[in-house]
C-alpha atoms as a PDB file:
ATOM      1  CA  MET A   1      -9.621 -24.117   7.325  1.00  0.00           C
ATOM      2  CA  LEU A   2      -8.858 -25.390   3.805  1.00  0.00           C
ATOM      3  CA  ARG A   3     -12.549 -25.490   2.977  1.00  0.00           C
ATOM      4  CA  ALA A   4     -13.048 -21.930   4.182  1.00  0.00           C
ATOM      5  CA  THR A   5     -10.043 -20.806   2.137  1.00  0.00           C
ATOM      6  CA  LEU A   6     -11.442 -22.411  -1.023  1.00  0.00           C
ATOM      7  CA  LYS A   7     -14.794 -20.718  -0.426  1.00  0.00           C
ATOM      8  CA  ARG A   8     -13.019 -17.426  -0.037  1.00  0.00           C
ATOM      9  CA  LEU A   9     -11.142 -17.944  -3.301  1.00  0.00           C
ATOM     10  CA  VAL A  10     -14.406 -18.617  -5.122  1.00  0.00           C
ATOM     11  CA  THR A  11     -15.871 -15.317  -3.926  1.00  0.00           C
ATOM     12  CA  ILE A  12     -12.817 -13.486  -5.292  1.00  0.00           C
ATOM     13  CA  VAL A  13     -13.810 -14.179  -8.916  1.00  0.00           C
ATOM     14  CA  PRO A  14     -16.904 -11.884  -9.025  1.00  0.00           C
ATOM     15  CA  THR A  15     -14.881  -9.158  -7.315  1.00  0.00           C
ATOM     16  CA  LEU A  16     -12.158  -9.266  -9.950  1.00  0.00           C
ATOM     17  CA  ILE A  17     -14.728  -9.328 -12.753  1.00  0.00           C
ATOM     18  CA  GLY A  18     -16.353  -6.220 -11.304  1.00  0.00           C
ATOM     19  CA  VAL A  19     -12.958  -4.503 -11.041  1.00  0.00           C
ATOM     20  CA  VAL A  20     -12.164  -5.285 -14.684  1.00  0.00           C
ATOM     21  CA  VAL A  21     -15.526  -3.962 -15.937  1.00  0.00           C
ATOM     22  CA  VAL A  22     -15.568  -0.811 -13.804  1.00  0.00           C
ATOM     23  CA  THR A  23     -11.944   0.045 -14.570  1.00  0.00           C
ATOM     24  CA  PHE A  24     -12.483  -0.348 -18.314  1.00  0.00           C
ATOM     25  CA  LEU A  25     -15.557   1.904 -18.275  1.00  0.00           C
ATOM     26  CA  LEU A  26     -13.968   4.550 -16.052  1.00  0.00           C
ATOM     27  CA  THR A  27     -10.895   4.897 -18.239  1.00  0.00           C
ATOM     28  CA  ARG A  28     -13.127   5.425 -21.267  1.00  0.00           C
ATOM     29  CA  VAL A  29     -15.118   8.252 -19.671  1.00  0.00           C
ATOM     30  CA  LEU A  30     -12.036  10.160 -18.499  1.00  0.00           C
ATOM     31  CA  PRO A  31     -11.427  13.450 -20.329  1.00  0.00           C
ATOM     32  CA  GLY A  32      -8.673  13.495 -22.896  1.00  0.00           C
ATOM     33  CA  ASP A  33      -7.839  11.670 -26.092  1.00  0.00           C
ATOM     34  CA  PRO A  34      -4.716   9.485 -25.959  1.00  0.00           C
ATOM     35  CA  ALA A  35      -4.405   9.586 -29.753  1.00  0.00           C
ATOM     36  CA  ALA A  36      -4.410  13.395 -29.798  1.00  0.00           C
ATOM     37  CA  TYR A  37      -1.983  13.520 -26.864  1.00  0.00           C
ATOM     38  CA  PHE A  38       0.608  11.283 -28.461  1.00  0.00           C
ATOM     39  CA  ALA A  39       0.140  12.767 -31.932  1.00  0.00           C
ATOM     40  CA  GLY A  40       1.263  16.126 -30.580  1.00  0.00           C
ATOM     41  CA  PRO A  41      -0.223  19.612 -30.775  1.00  0.00           C
ATOM     42  CA  THR A  42       0.842  20.101 -34.402  1.00  0.00           C
ATOM     43  CA  ALA A  43      -0.693  16.869 -35.747  1.00  0.00           C
ATOM     44  CA  ASP A  44      -3.533  17.058 -38.253  1.00  0.00           C
ATOM     45  CA  ALA A  45      -6.825  15.196 -38.034  1.00  0.00           C
ATOM     46  CA  ALA A  46      -5.659  12.414 -40.372  1.00  0.00           C
ATOM     47  CA  SER A  47      -2.625  11.630 -38.213  1.00  0.00           C
ATOM     48  CA  ILE A  48      -4.733  11.578 -35.053  1.00  0.00           C
ATOM     49  CA  GLU A  49      -7.250   9.250 -36.684  1.00  0.00           C
ATOM     50  CA  GLN A  50      -4.473   6.933 -37.820  1.00  0.00           C
ATOM     51  CA  ILE A  51      -3.109   6.682 -34.275  1.00  0.00           C
ATOM     52  CA  ARG A  52      -6.611   6.134 -32.896  1.00  0.00           C
ATOM     53  CA  LYS A  53      -7.112   3.292 -35.377  1.00  0.00           C
ATOM     54  CA  SER A  54      -3.768   1.695 -34.476  1.00  0.00           C
ATOM     55  CA  LEU A  55      -4.785   1.771 -30.807  1.00  0.00           C
ATOM     56  CA  GLY A  56      -8.176   0.260 -31.537  1.00  0.00           C
ATOM     57  CA  LEU A  57      -9.991   3.314 -30.211  1.00  0.00           C
ATOM     58  CA  ASP A  58     -12.047   3.634 -33.392  1.00  0.00           C
ATOM     59  CA  GLN A  59     -13.995   0.506 -32.423  1.00  0.00           C
ATOM     60  CA  SER A  60     -17.177   0.486 -30.349  1.00  0.00           C
ATOM     61  CA  LEU A  61     -16.970   0.033 -26.561  1.00  0.00           C
ATOM     62  CA  PRO A  62     -18.217  -3.598 -26.664  1.00  0.00           C
ATOM     63  CA  GLN A  63     -15.589  -4.438 -29.271  1.00  0.00           C
ATOM     64  CA  GLN A  64     -12.853  -2.735 -27.238  1.00  0.00           C
ATOM     65  CA  PHE A  65     -13.979  -4.571 -24.108  1.00  0.00           C
ATOM     66  CA  LEU A  66     -13.981  -7.976 -25.814  1.00  0.00           C
ATOM     67  CA  ARG A  67     -10.527  -7.241 -27.168  1.00  0.00           C
ATOM     68  CA  TYR A  68      -9.381  -6.257 -23.661  1.00  0.00           C
ATOM     69  CA  LEU A  69     -10.778  -9.485 -22.187  1.00  0.00           C
ATOM     70  CA  GLY A  70      -9.014 -11.525 -24.853  1.00  0.00           C
ATOM     71  CA  ASP A  71      -5.724  -9.818 -24.047  1.00  0.00           C
ATOM     72  CA  LEU A  72      -6.258 -10.433 -20.309  1.00  0.00           C
ATOM     73  CA  ALA A  73      -6.901 -14.116 -20.942  1.00  0.00           C
ATOM     74  CA  ARG A  74      -3.490 -14.300 -22.621  1.00  0.00           C
ATOM     75  CA  GLY A  75      -1.835 -12.392 -19.784  1.00  0.00           C
ATOM     76  CA  ASP A  76      -1.382  -9.321 -21.965  1.00  0.00           C
ATOM     77  CA  LEU A  77      -2.132  -6.005 -20.232  1.00  0.00           C
ATOM     78  CA  GLY A  78      -1.185  -3.986 -23.304  1.00  0.00           C
ATOM     79  CA  ASN A  79       1.684  -1.595 -23.890  1.00  0.00           C
ATOM     80  CA  ALA A  80       2.386   1.687 -22.145  1.00  0.00           C
ATOM     81  CA  LEU A  81       2.368   4.369 -24.811  1.00  0.00           C
ATOM     82  CA  SER A  82       4.665   6.626 -22.786  1.00  0.00           C
ATOM     83  CA  THR A  83       7.469   4.046 -22.515  1.00  0.00           C
ATOM     84  CA  GLY A  84       6.660   1.623 -25.326  1.00  0.00           C
ATOM     85  CA  GLN A  85       7.092  -1.291 -22.899  1.00  0.00           C
ATOM     86  CA  PRO A  86       4.513  -3.953 -21.974  1.00  0.00           C
ATOM     87  CA  VAL A  87       2.452  -2.885 -18.964  1.00  0.00           C
ATOM     88  CA  LEU A  88       3.062  -6.217 -17.242  1.00  0.00           C
ATOM     89  CA  LYS A  89       6.815  -5.671 -17.501  1.00  0.00           C
ATOM     90  CA  GLU A  90       6.512  -2.119 -16.157  1.00  0.00           C
ATOM     91  CA  ILE A  91       4.385  -3.262 -13.217  1.00  0.00           C
ATOM     92  CA  ALA A  92       6.740  -6.157 -12.427  1.00  0.00           C
ATOM     93  CA  SER A  93       9.744  -3.812 -12.383  1.00  0.00           C
ATOM     94  CA  ARG A  94       8.068  -1.049 -10.360  1.00  0.00           C
ATOM     95  CA  LEU A  95       5.920  -3.037  -7.920  1.00  0.00           C
ATOM     96  CA  PRO A  96       8.844  -4.090  -5.673  1.00  0.00           C
ATOM     97  CA  ALA A  97       9.713  -0.412  -5.114  1.00  0.00           C
ATOM     98  CA  SER A  98       6.148   0.380  -4.027  1.00  0.00           C
ATOM     99  CA  ALA A  99       5.888  -2.785  -1.943  1.00  0.00           C
ATOM    100  CA  GLU A 100       9.187  -2.064  -0.174  1.00  0.00           C
ATOM    101  CA  LEU A 101       8.047   1.455   0.689  1.00  0.00           C
ATOM    102  CA  THR A 102       4.566   0.398   1.796  1.00  0.00           C
ATOM    103  CA  LEU A 103       5.712  -2.565   3.897  1.00  0.00           C
ATOM    104  CA  SER A 104       8.457  -0.487   5.520  1.00  0.00           C
ATOM    105  CA  ALA A 105       5.920   2.180   6.443  1.00  0.00           C
ATOM    106  CA  LEU A 106       3.485  -0.423   7.782  1.00  0.00           C
ATOM    107  CA  ALA A 107       6.196  -2.119   9.861  1.00  0.00           C
ATOM    108  CA  LEU A 108       7.332   1.233  11.278  1.00  0.00           C
ATOM    109  CA  SER A 109       3.768   2.234  12.144  1.00  0.00           C
ATOM    110  CA  ILE A 110       3.126  -1.110  13.886  1.00  0.00           C
ATOM    111  CA  LEU A 111       6.310  -0.823  15.939  1.00  0.00           C
ATOM    112  CA  ILE A 112       5.157   2.575  17.212  1.00  0.00           C
ATOM    113  CA  ALA A 113       1.364   2.341  17.248  1.00  0.00           C
ATOM    114  CA  VAL A 114       0.812  -1.031  18.946  1.00  0.00           C
ATOM    115  CA  PRO A 115       3.001  -0.370  22.036  1.00  0.00           C
ATOM    116  CA  LEU A 116       1.623   3.173  22.204  1.00  0.00           C
ATOM    117  CA  GLY A 117      -1.964   1.904  22.095  1.00  0.00           C
ATOM    118  CA  ILE A 118      -1.276  -0.742  24.750  1.00  0.00           C
ATOM    119  CA  LEU A 119       0.387   1.756  27.111  1.00  0.00           C
ATOM    120  CA  ALA A 120      -2.408   4.288  26.538  1.00  0.00           C
ATOM    121  CA  ALA A 121      -4.990   1.673  27.523  1.00  0.00           C
ATOM    122  CA  VAL A 122      -3.065   0.377  30.528  1.00  0.00           C
ATOM    123  CA  LYS A 123      -2.339   3.910  31.786  1.00  0.00           C
ATOM    124  CA  GLU A 124      -5.636   5.498  30.849  1.00  0.00           C
ATOM    125  CA  GLY A 125      -5.715   9.237  31.554  1.00  0.00           C
ATOM    126  CA  SER A 126      -1.931   9.520  31.934  1.00  0.00           C
ATOM    127  CA  TRP A 127       0.448  11.582  29.815  1.00  0.00           C
ATOM    128  CA  ILE A 128       1.013   8.551  27.579  1.00  0.00           C
ATOM    129  CA  ASP A 129      -2.702   8.420  26.884  1.00  0.00           C
ATOM    130  CA  HIS A 130      -2.722  12.119  26.000  1.00  0.00           C
ATOM    131  CA  LEU A 131       0.360  11.640  23.808  1.00  0.00           C
ATOM    132  CA  CYS A 132      -1.436   8.857  21.979  1.00  0.00           C
ATOM    133  CA  ARG A 133      -4.371  11.160  21.282  1.00  0.00           C
ATOM    134  CA  VAL A 134      -2.105  13.927  20.007  1.00  0.00           C
ATOM    135  CA  VAL A 135      -0.188  11.577  17.700  1.00  0.00           C
ATOM    136  CA  THR A 136      -3.321   9.965  16.298  1.00  0.00           C
ATOM    137  CA  THR A 137      -4.987  13.340  15.765  1.00  0.00           C
ATOM    138  CA  ALA A 138      -1.929  14.597  13.881  1.00  0.00           C
ATOM    139  CA  GLY A 139      -1.818  11.405  11.829  1.00  0.00           C
ATOM    140  CA  VAL A 140      -5.390  11.685  10.595  1.00  0.00           C
ATOM    141  CA  SER A 141      -5.291  15.482  10.166  1.00  0.00           C
ATOM    142  CA  LEU A 142      -2.155  15.908   8.040  1.00  0.00           C
ATOM    143  CA  PRO A 143      -2.398  14.887   4.369  1.00  0.00           C
ATOM    144  CA  VAL A 144       0.438  12.607   3.323  1.00  0.00           C
ATOM    145  CA  PHE A 145       1.682  14.900   0.573  1.00  0.00           C
ATOM    146  CA  PHE A 146       1.834  17.826   3.027  1.00  0.00           C
ATOM    147  CA  THR A 147       3.678  15.695   5.596  1.00  0.00           C
ATOM    148  CA  GLY A 148       6.124  14.550   2.928  1.00  0.00           C
ATOM    149  CA  VAL A 149       6.879  18.079   1.743  1.00  0.00           C
ATOM    150  CA  LEU A 150       7.211  19.227   5.367  1.00  0.00           C
ATOM    151  CA  PHE A 151       9.679  16.442   6.168  1.00  0.00           C
ATOM    152  CA  VAL A 152      11.744  17.279   3.076  1.00  0.00           C
ATOM    153  CA  CYS A 153      11.837  20.974   3.979  1.00  0.00           C
ATOM    154  CA  ILE A 154      12.871  20.301   7.581  1.00  0.00           C
ATOM    155  CA  PHE A 155      15.179  17.299   7.411  1.00  0.00           C
ATOM    156  CA  TYR A 156      16.743  17.840   3.982  1.00  0.00           C
ATOM    157  CA  TYR A 157      16.703  21.561   3.186  1.00  0.00           C
ATOM    158  CA  ARG A 158      16.930  23.014   6.689  1.00  0.00           C
ATOM    159  CA  LEU A 159      18.838  20.485   8.801  1.00  0.00           C
ATOM    160  CA  GLY A 160      20.601  18.471   6.126  1.00  0.00           C
ATOM    161  CA  TRP A 161      20.068  15.217   8.026  1.00  0.00           C
ATOM    162  CA  ALA A 162      18.322  13.342   5.219  1.00  0.00           C
ATOM    163  CA  PRO A 163      19.551  12.652   1.679  1.00  0.00           C
ATOM    164  CA  ALA A 164      17.985  14.319  -1.361  1.00  0.00           C
ATOM    165  CA  PRO A 165      14.534  12.922  -2.267  1.00  0.00           C
ATOM    166  CA  VAL A 166      15.660  11.478  -5.597  1.00  0.00           C
ATOM    167  CA  GLY A 167      14.289   7.943  -5.440  1.00  0.00           C
ATOM    168  CA  ARG A 168      15.386   4.612  -4.012  1.00  0.00           C
ATOM    169  CA  LEU A 169      19.141   5.388  -4.097  1.00  0.00           C
ATOM    170  CA  ASP A 170      21.257   8.504  -4.119  1.00  0.00           C
ATOM    171  CA  LEU A 171      23.223   9.540  -7.208  1.00  0.00           C
ATOM    172  CA  TYR A 172      26.443   7.882  -5.989  1.00  0.00           C
ATOM    173  CA  SER A 173      25.027   4.414  -5.274  1.00  0.00           C
ATOM    174  CA  VAL A 174      24.468   1.509  -7.643  1.00  0.00           C
ATOM    175  CA  ALA A 175      21.463  -0.799  -7.461  1.00  0.00           C
ATOM    176  CA  PRO A 176      22.276  -4.284  -6.105  1.00  0.00           C
ATOM    177  CA  PRO A 177      21.970  -7.368  -8.339  1.00  0.00           C
ATOM    178  CA  HIS A 178      18.299  -8.112  -8.926  1.00  0.00           C
ATOM    179  CA  VAL A 179      17.010 -11.061  -6.915  1.00  0.00           C
ATOM    180  CA  THR A 180      13.749  -9.993  -5.244  1.00  0.00           C
ATOM    181  CA  GLY A 181      13.498  -6.383  -6.404  1.00  0.00           C
ATOM    182  CA  PHE A 182      13.652  -5.218  -2.782  1.00  0.00           C
ATOM    183  CA  PHE A 183      16.856  -3.217  -2.453  1.00  0.00           C
ATOM    184  CA  LEU A 184      17.063  -3.889   1.296  1.00  0.00           C
ATOM    185  CA  ILE A 185      17.007  -7.651   0.763  1.00  0.00           C
ATOM    186  CA  ASP A 186      19.066  -7.726  -2.437  1.00  0.00           C
ATOM    187  CA  SER A 187      21.839  -5.584  -0.963  1.00  0.00           C
ATOM    188  CA  LEU A 188      22.080  -7.887   2.075  1.00  0.00           C
ATOM    189  CA  LEU A 189      22.133 -10.979  -0.148  1.00  0.00           C
ATOM    190  CA  ALA A 190      24.958  -9.401  -2.145  1.00  0.00           C
ATOM    191  CA  GLY A 191      26.806  -8.401   1.036  1.00  0.00           C
ATOM    192  CA  ASP A 192      26.781  -4.777  -0.117  1.00  0.00           C
ATOM    193  CA  PHE A 193      26.299  -2.914   3.162  1.00  0.00           C
ATOM    194  CA  ASP A 194      27.028   0.486   1.620  1.00  0.00           C
ATOM    195  CA  THR A 195      24.036   0.089  -0.687  1.00  0.00           C
ATOM    196  CA  PHE A 196      21.990  -1.217   2.246  1.00  0.00           C
ATOM    197  CA  ARG A 197      22.758   1.910   4.275  1.00  0.00           C
ATOM    198  CA  ALA A 198      22.007   4.124   1.269  1.00  0.00           C
ATOM    199  CA  THR A 199      18.661   2.343   0.775  1.00  0.00           C
ATOM    200  CA  VAL A 200      17.733   2.774   4.434  1.00  0.00           C
ATOM    201  CA  ALA A 201      18.658   6.469   4.274  1.00  0.00           C
ATOM    202  CA  GLN A 202      16.432   7.004   1.251  1.00  0.00           C
ATOM    203  CA  LEU A 203      13.578   5.042   2.866  1.00  0.00           C
ATOM    204  CA  ILE A 204      13.457   6.937   6.143  1.00  0.00           C
ATOM    205  CA  LEU A 205      11.571  10.059   5.057  1.00  0.00           C
ATOM    206  CA  PRO A 206       8.969   8.505   2.722  1.00  0.00           C
ATOM    207  CA  ALA A 207       8.378   5.578   5.090  1.00  0.00           C
ATOM    208  CA  SER A 208       8.006   7.949   8.051  1.00  0.00           C
ATOM    209  CA  THR A 209       5.541  10.053   6.045  1.00  0.00           C
ATOM    210  CA  MET A 210       3.326   7.062   5.377  1.00  0.00           C
ATOM    211  CA  ALA A 211       3.851   5.616   8.875  1.00  0.00           C
ATOM    212  CA  LEU A 212       2.521   8.791  10.501  1.00  0.00           C
ATOM    213  CA  PHE A 213      -0.590   8.435   8.378  1.00  0.00           C
ATOM    214  CA  ALA A 214      -0.941   4.726   9.211  1.00  0.00           C
ATOM    215  CA  LEU A 215      -0.223   4.690  12.934  1.00  0.00           C
ATOM    216  CA  ALA A 216      -3.259   6.812  13.841  1.00  0.00           C
ATOM    217  CA  PRO A 217      -5.961   4.171  13.173  1.00  0.00           C
ATOM    218  CA  ILE A 218      -3.742   1.344  14.456  1.00  0.00           C
ATOM    219  CA  ALA A 219      -3.009   3.093  17.767  1.00  0.00           C
ATOM    220  CA  ARG A 220      -6.633   4.124  18.262  1.00  0.00           C
ATOM    221  CA  MET A 221      -7.961   0.639  17.565  1.00  0.00           C
ATOM    222  CA  THR A 222      -5.310  -0.970  19.798  1.00  0.00           C
ATOM    223  CA  ARG A 223      -6.206   1.369  22.646  1.00  0.00           C
ATOM    224  CA  ALA A 224      -9.968   0.881  22.263  1.00  0.00           C
ATOM    225  CA  SER A 225      -9.705  -2.898  21.938  1.00  0.00           C
ATOM    226  CA  MET A 226      -7.355  -3.168  24.912  1.00  0.00           C
ATOM    227  CA  LEU A 227      -9.649  -1.036  27.083  1.00  0.00           C
ATOM    228  CA  SER A 228     -12.550  -3.327  26.230  1.00  0.00           C
ATOM    229  CA  VAL A 229     -10.589  -6.496  27.051  1.00  0.00           C
ATOM    230  CA  LEU A 230      -9.002  -5.122  30.237  1.00  0.00           C
ATOM    231  CA  SER A 231     -12.459  -4.560  31.690  1.00  0.00           C
ATOM    232  CA  SER A 232     -13.452  -8.208  31.097  1.00  0.00           C
ATOM    233  CA  GLU A 233     -14.121 -10.722  33.845  1.00  0.00           C
ATOM    234  CA  PHE A 234     -11.349 -13.126  32.825  1.00  0.00           C
ATOM    235  CA  ILE A 235      -8.756 -10.340  33.142  1.00  0.00           C
ATOM    236  CA  ARG A 236      -9.915  -9.560  36.675  1.00  0.00           C
ATOM    237  CA  THR A 237      -9.762 -13.296  37.423  1.00  0.00           C
ATOM    238  CA  ALA A 238      -6.222 -13.505  36.051  1.00  0.00           C
ATOM    239  CA  ARG A 239      -5.132 -10.564  38.199  1.00  0.00           C
ATOM    240  CA  ALA A 240      -6.816 -12.080  41.271  1.00  0.00           C
ATOM    241  CA  SER A 241      -4.970 -15.359  40.627  1.00  0.00           C
ATOM    242  CA  GLY A 242      -1.687 -13.566  41.245  1.00  0.00           C
ATOM    243  CA  LEU A 243      -0.390 -13.375  37.669  1.00  0.00           C
ATOM    244  CA  ASN A 244       1.998 -10.492  37.066  1.00  0.00           C
ATOM    245  CA  SER A 245       0.819  -7.529  35.030  1.00  0.00           C
ATOM    246  CA  ARG A 246       3.070  -8.244  32.051  1.00  0.00           C
ATOM    247  CA  THR A 247       1.643 -11.745  31.614  1.00  0.00           C
ATOM    248  CA  VAL A 248      -1.926 -10.528  31.980  1.00  0.00           C
ATOM    249  CA  ILE A 249      -1.497  -7.675  29.507  1.00  0.00           C
ATOM    250  CA  LEU A 250       0.568  -9.371  26.789  1.00  0.00           C
ATOM    251  CA  ARG A 251      -0.487 -13.011  26.999  1.00  0.00           C
ATOM    252  CA  TYR A 252      -4.186 -12.669  27.814  1.00  0.00           C
ATOM    253  CA  ALA A 253      -5.397  -9.153  27.122  1.00  0.00           C
ATOM    254  CA  PHE A 254      -3.475  -8.325  23.951  1.00  0.00           C
ATOM    255  CA  ARG A 255      -4.115 -11.690  22.292  1.00  0.00           C
ATOM    256  CA  ASN A 256      -7.848 -11.260  22.767  1.00  0.00           C
ATOM    257  CA  ALA A 257      -7.624  -7.680  21.523  1.00  0.00           C
ATOM    258  CA  MET A 258      -5.718  -8.610  18.352  1.00  0.00           C
ATOM    259  CA  LEU A 259      -8.645  -9.439  16.048  1.00  0.00           C
ATOM    260  CA  PRO A 260      -9.867  -5.836  15.634  1.00  0.00           C
ATOM    261  CA  VAL A 261      -6.248  -4.691  15.333  1.00  0.00           C
ATOM    262  CA  VAL A 262      -5.548  -7.189  12.544  1.00  0.00           C
ATOM    263  CA  THR A 263      -8.685  -6.022  10.740  1.00  0.00           C
ATOM    264  CA  THR A 264      -7.456  -2.454  11.039  1.00  0.00           C
ATOM    265  CA  LEU A 265      -4.056  -3.478   9.675  1.00  0.00           C
ATOM    266  CA  GLY A 266      -5.739  -4.773   6.533  1.00  0.00           C
ATOM    267  CA  MET A 267      -7.636  -1.526   6.077  1.00  0.00           C
ATOM    268  CA  VAL A 268      -4.522   0.553   6.737  1.00  0.00           C
ATOM    269  CA  PHE A 269      -2.530  -1.426   4.181  1.00  0.00           C
ATOM    270  CA  SER A 270      -5.171  -0.738   1.542  1.00  0.00           C
ATOM    271  CA  PHE A 271      -5.074   2.973   2.468  1.00  0.00           C
ATOM    272  CA  LEU A 272      -1.288   2.951   2.121  1.00  0.00           C
ATOM    273  CA  LEU A 273      -1.553   1.458  -1.350  1.00  0.00           C
ATOM    274  CA  GLY A 274      -3.465   4.593  -2.319  1.00  0.00           C
ATOM    275  CA  ALA A 275      -1.375   7.004  -0.282  1.00  0.00           C
ATOM    276  CA  ASN A 276       1.885   5.835  -1.821  1.00  0.00           C
ATOM    277  CA  VAL A 277       0.793   7.407  -5.124  1.00  0.00           C
ATOM    278  CA  LEU A 278       1.222  10.883  -3.607  1.00  0.00           C
ATOM    279  CA  VAL A 279       4.292   9.988  -1.559  1.00  0.00           C
ATOM    280  CA  GLU A 280       6.048   8.558  -4.596  1.00  0.00           C
ATOM    281  CA  LYS A 281       5.539  11.813  -6.496  1.00  0.00           C
ATOM    282  CA  VAL A 282       6.932  13.869  -3.593  1.00  0.00           C
ATOM    283  CA  PHE A 283      10.045  11.711  -3.183  1.00  0.00           C
ATOM    284  CA  ALA A 284      10.560  10.823  -6.879  1.00  0.00           C
ATOM    285  CA  TRP A 285      10.059   7.182  -5.952  1.00  0.00           C
ATOM    286  CA  PRO A 286      10.018   4.968  -9.086  1.00  0.00           C
ATOM    287  CA  GLY A 287       7.053   2.886  -8.008  1.00  0.00           C
ATOM    288  CA  ILE A 288       3.830   1.739  -9.551  1.00  0.00           C
ATOM    289  CA  GLY A 289       1.895   4.693  -8.130  1.00  0.00           C
ATOM    290  CA  SER A 290       3.915   7.378  -9.896  1.00  0.00           C
ATOM    291  CA  PHE A 291       3.738   5.262 -13.070  1.00  0.00           C
ATOM    292  CA  ALA A 292      -0.063   5.218 -12.871  1.00  0.00           C
ATOM    293  CA  VAL A 293      -0.273   8.973 -12.238  1.00  0.00           C
ATOM    294  CA  GLU A 294       1.879   9.740 -15.274  1.00  0.00           C
ATOM    295  CA  ALA A 295      -0.234   7.393 -17.399  1.00  0.00           C
ATOM    296  CA  LEU A 296      -3.436   9.025 -16.146  1.00  0.00           C
ATOM    297  CA  ILE A 297      -2.169  12.491 -17.074  1.00  0.00           C
ATOM    298  CA  GLN A 298      -1.343  11.213 -20.557  1.00  0.00           C
ATOM    299  CA  SER A 299      -4.719   9.427 -20.918  1.00  0.00           C
ATOM    300  CA  ASP A 300      -2.839   6.153 -21.351  1.00  0.00           C
ATOM    301  CA  TYR A 301      -5.498   3.526 -20.680  1.00  0.00           C
ATOM    302  CA  ALA A 302      -3.463   0.313 -20.439  1.00  0.00           C
ATOM    303  CA  PRO A 303      -1.179   1.295 -17.505  1.00  0.00           C
ATOM    304  CA  VAL A 304      -4.116   2.685 -15.520  1.00  0.00           C
ATOM    305  CA  GLN A 305      -6.114  -0.515 -16.039  1.00  0.00           C
ATOM    306  CA  GLY A 306      -3.092  -2.618 -15.135  1.00  0.00           C
ATOM    307  CA  PHE A 307      -2.448  -0.558 -11.993  1.00  0.00           C
ATOM    308  CA  VAL A 308      -6.026  -0.901 -10.737  1.00  0.00           C
ATOM    309  CA  LEU A 309      -6.063  -4.624 -11.471  1.00  0.00           C
ATOM    310  CA  ALA A 310      -2.749  -5.125  -9.640  1.00  0.00           C
ATOM    311  CA  MET A 311      -4.013  -3.179  -6.621  1.00  0.00           C
ATOM    312  CA  ALA A 312      -7.218  -5.227  -6.606  1.00  0.00           C
ATOM    313  CA  LEU A 313      -5.245  -8.480  -6.626  1.00  0.00           C
ATOM    314  CA  LEU A 314      -3.053  -7.246  -3.768  1.00  0.00           C
ATOM    315  CA  TYR A 315      -6.080  -6.185  -1.746  1.00  0.00           C
ATOM    316  CA  VAL A 316      -7.858  -9.506  -2.313  1.00  0.00           C
ATOM    317  CA  ALA A 317      -4.713 -11.446  -1.344  1.00  0.00           C
ATOM    318  CA  LEU A 318      -4.377  -9.299   1.769  1.00  0.00           C
ATOM    319  CA  ASN A 319      -7.963 -10.000   2.830  1.00  0.00           C
ATOM    320  CA  LEU A 320      -7.355 -13.718   2.383  1.00  0.00           C
ATOM    321  CA  MET A 321      -4.239 -13.502   4.579  1.00  0.00           C
ATOM    322  CA  ILE A 322      -6.239 -11.648   7.236  1.00  0.00           C
ATOM    323  CA  ASP A 323      -8.911 -14.347   7.226  1.00  0.00           C
ATOM    324  CA  LEU A 324      -6.216 -16.983   7.723  1.00  0.00           C
ATOM    325  CA  ALA A 325      -4.644 -14.905  10.497  1.00  0.00           C
ATOM    326  CA  TYR A 326      -7.978 -14.879  12.330  1.00  0.00           C
ATOM    327  CA  GLY A 327      -7.831 -18.663  12.615  1.00  0.00           C
ATOM    328  CA  VAL A 328      -4.303 -18.543  13.986  1.00  0.00           C
ATOM    329  CA  ILE A 329      -5.108 -15.867  16.572  1.00  0.00           C
ATOM    330  CA  ASP A 330      -8.482 -17.196  17.709  1.00  0.00           C
ATOM    331  CA  PRO A 331      -9.200 -20.967  17.429  1.00  0.00           C
ATOM    332  CA  ARG A 332     -12.937 -20.251  17.673  1.00  0.00           C
ATOM    333  CA  VAL A 333     -12.788 -18.759  14.164  1.00  0.00           C
ATOM    334  CA  ARG A 334     -11.448 -22.068  12.833  1.00  0.00           C
ATOM    335  CA  LEU A 335     -14.257 -23.959  14.497  1.00  0.00           C
ATOM    336  CA  GLU A 336     -16.895 -21.646  13.018  1.00  0.00           C
ATOM    337  CA  ALA A 337     -15.335 -22.008   9.570  1.00  0.00           C
END
């Protein structure tokens, strides 16, 4: 397993190099001039040129790229022109907010989708199976930004059940002492249950928005994988041996059906990393996605490059975790490795 992990880590290097090159080139071909944007509409050509020179944009693309690589080697992602802060500092402060939202949505979708997929497969053709199809169809059909706006209109404006979509905490709550950056964890560590409840209240709508989007592929894959395993010979043998249905379904069938589901979880997590950009804008969530969108509108290259690089690192780390999970779920994967 260690050897396979090391091989996997070696293959990550070309991927990250490709991400760095492609991201640098894409930011340079985007419309807009960051120097003109930050100089203002009343600035003259000399002022714009001075700002462009201070940003290094007057150099050729190869020179800019070599300068960017040198900064990366030193761990310097540049400064965000909109805030004046280092991009690395901005990402480090905002990433926990995005991670908390994304992981909460993924956990909520798993809690709903996996049991729903199992029941739909076990009771094929029943009302549970039809409910699973309706839920998955709605999940893949509704865009996340539309679902978010719909939830806000219904549960905040109409019913008044949810708090105002103003970020991670309402206006009357104070952030807990920083330990992990996750308000749910930090508030529990501080013993501040009022802040914990306020954090949960603010998380419900955005997490539910993303969970509805995520549970569709998870439920469909769970159902399809379970149907395939339940029709296998060893399942019929287990039933004929007198094992109860719960043992057959959970211990034998579901464990053998988990590999495709785990693969789908990795794909869904990567989709959520992209979907949280829109959800964060709808709910005023101070995460890395909204930071990248604002930087993109302002033609601010450094935050966009830092955002893409951070997402690439998260995705690569996630794939590595999935590969390791394969070996835990199915020993045959360890033997092949």
